[in-house]
């Protein structure tokens, strides 16, 4: 699922092969290609809530 399409580098999130976590991919972020990190569902929730809190501080809806 592509999440952010308007950033300098599009970001997508997909389940890992074992369905126990998420793969977050920043497309074209490095000269070698994509930057990929794996997250547990708990880490993903913490990141999501943090992003939401910061966006609300900026008045985003």
C-alpha atoms as a PDB file:
ATOM      1  CA  UNK A   1       0.000   0.000   0.000  1.00  0.00           C
ATOM      2  CA  UNK A   2       1.519   3.323  -1.054  1.00  0.00           C
ATOM      3  CA  UNK A   3       1.140   5.752   1.832  1.00  0.00           C
ATOM      4  CA  UNK A   4       2.864   8.981   0.878  1.00  0.00           C
ATOM      5  CA  UNK A   5       2.995   9.832  -2.806  1.00  0.00           C
ATOM      6  CA  UNK A   6       3.825  13.539  -2.663  1.00  0.00           C
ATOM      7  CA  UNK A   7       7.045  13.364  -0.694  1.00  0.00           C
ATOM      8  CA  UNK A   8      10.438  13.587  -2.313  1.00  0.00           C
ATOM      9  CA  UNK A   9      10.538   9.819  -2.075  1.00  0.00           C
ATOM     10  CA  UNK A  10       7.283   7.823  -2.046  1.00  0.00           C
ATOM     11  CA  UNK A  11       6.747   5.621   1.009  1.00  0.00           C
ATOM     12  CA  UNK A  12       4.967   2.274   1.029  1.00  0.00           C
ATOM     13  CA  UNK A  13       4.053  -0.178   3.765  1.00  0.00           C
ATOM     14  CA  UNK A  14       3.372  -3.891   3.356  1.00  0.00           C
ATOM     15  CA  UNK A  15       3.185  -6.920   5.631  1.00  0.00           C
ATOM     16  CA  UNK A  16       6.302  -9.048   5.996  1.00  0.00           C
ATOM     17  CA  UNK A  17       6.298 -12.500   4.411  1.00  0.00           C
ATOM     18  CA  UNK A  18       5.587 -14.131   7.774  1.00  0.00           C
ATOM     19  CA  UNK A  19       2.770 -11.626   8.490  1.00  0.00           C
ATOM     20  CA  UNK A  20       4.292 -10.764  11.880  1.00  0.00           C
ATOM     21  CA  UNK A  21       5.428  -7.252  11.062  1.00  0.00           C
ATOM     22  CA  UNK A  22       5.523  -4.483   8.503  1.00  0.00           C
ATOM     23  CA  UNK A  23       8.046  -3.531   5.862  1.00  0.00           C
ATOM     24  CA  UNK A  24       8.352   0.238   5.453  1.00  0.00           C
ATOM     25  CA  UNK A  25      10.021   1.192   2.165  1.00  0.00           C
ATOM     26  CA  UNK A  26      11.186   4.682   1.152  1.00  0.00           C
ATOM     27  CA  UNK A  27      11.521   4.420  -2.619  1.00  0.00           C
ATOM     28  CA  UNK A  28      14.725   5.839  -4.111  1.00  0.00           C
ATOM     29  CA  UNK A  29      15.998   7.160  -0.774  1.00  0.00           C
ATOM     30  CA  UNK A  30      19.600   6.071  -1.283  1.00  0.00           C
ATOM     31  CA  UNK A  31      21.893   6.038  -4.312  1.00  0.00           C
ATOM     32  CA  UNK A  32      21.656   2.229  -4.201  1.00  0.00           C
ATOM     33  CA  UNK A  33      17.852   2.273  -4.314  1.00  0.00           C
ATOM     34  CA  UNK A  34      15.188   1.955  -1.645  1.00  0.00           C
ATOM     35  CA  UNK A  35      15.589   2.273   2.127  1.00  0.00           C
ATOM     36  CA  UNK A  36      13.783  -0.583   3.860  1.00  0.00           C
ATOM     37  CA  UNK A  37      13.120  -1.090   7.554  1.00  0.00           C
ATOM     38  CA  UNK A  38      11.086  -3.724   9.358  1.00  0.00           C
ATOM     39  CA  UNK A  39       8.746  -2.826  12.205  1.00  0.00           C
ATOM     40  CA  UNK A  40       6.739  -4.779  14.710  1.00  0.00           C
ATOM     41  CA  UNK A  41       3.031  -3.942  14.854  1.00  0.00           C
ATOM     42  CA  UNK A  42       3.657  -2.232  18.207  1.00  0.00           C
ATOM     43  CA  UNK A  43       6.440  -0.055  16.750  1.00  0.00           C
ATOM     44  CA  UNK A  44       4.196   0.848  13.811  1.00  0.00           C
ATOM     45  CA  UNK A  45       1.435   1.974  16.181  1.00  0.00           C
ATOM     46  CA  UNK A  46       3.859   4.124  18.184  1.00  0.00           C
ATOM     47  CA  UNK A  47       5.128   5.741  14.979  1.00  0.00           C
ATOM     48  CA  UNK A  48       1.589   6.297  13.680  1.00  0.00           C
ATOM     49  CA  UNK A  49       0.419   7.927  16.907  1.00  0.00           C
ATOM     50  CA  UNK A  50       3.545  10.092  17.002  1.00  0.00           C
ATOM     51  CA  UNK A  51       3.016  11.262  13.426  1.00  0.00           C
ATOM     52  CA  UNK A  52      -0.648  11.980  14.117  1.00  0.00           C
ATOM     53  CA  UNK A  53       0.179  13.988  17.247  1.00  0.00           C
ATOM     54  CA  UNK A  54       2.745  16.100  15.389  1.00  0.00           C
ATOM     55  CA  UNK A  55       0.370  16.666  12.457  1.00  0.00           C
ATOM     56  CA  UNK A  56      -2.372  17.809  14.844  1.00  0.00           C
ATOM     57  CA  UNK A  57       0.036  20.306  16.414  1.00  0.00           C
ATOM     58  CA  UNK A  58       0.456  21.789  12.938  1.00  0.00           C
ATOM     59  CA  UNK A  59      -3.304  21.961  12.460  1.00  0.00           C
ATOM     60  CA  UNK A  60      -3.490  19.220   9.830  1.00  0.00           C
ATOM     61  CA  UNK A  61      -6.745  17.289   9.494  1.00  0.00           C
END
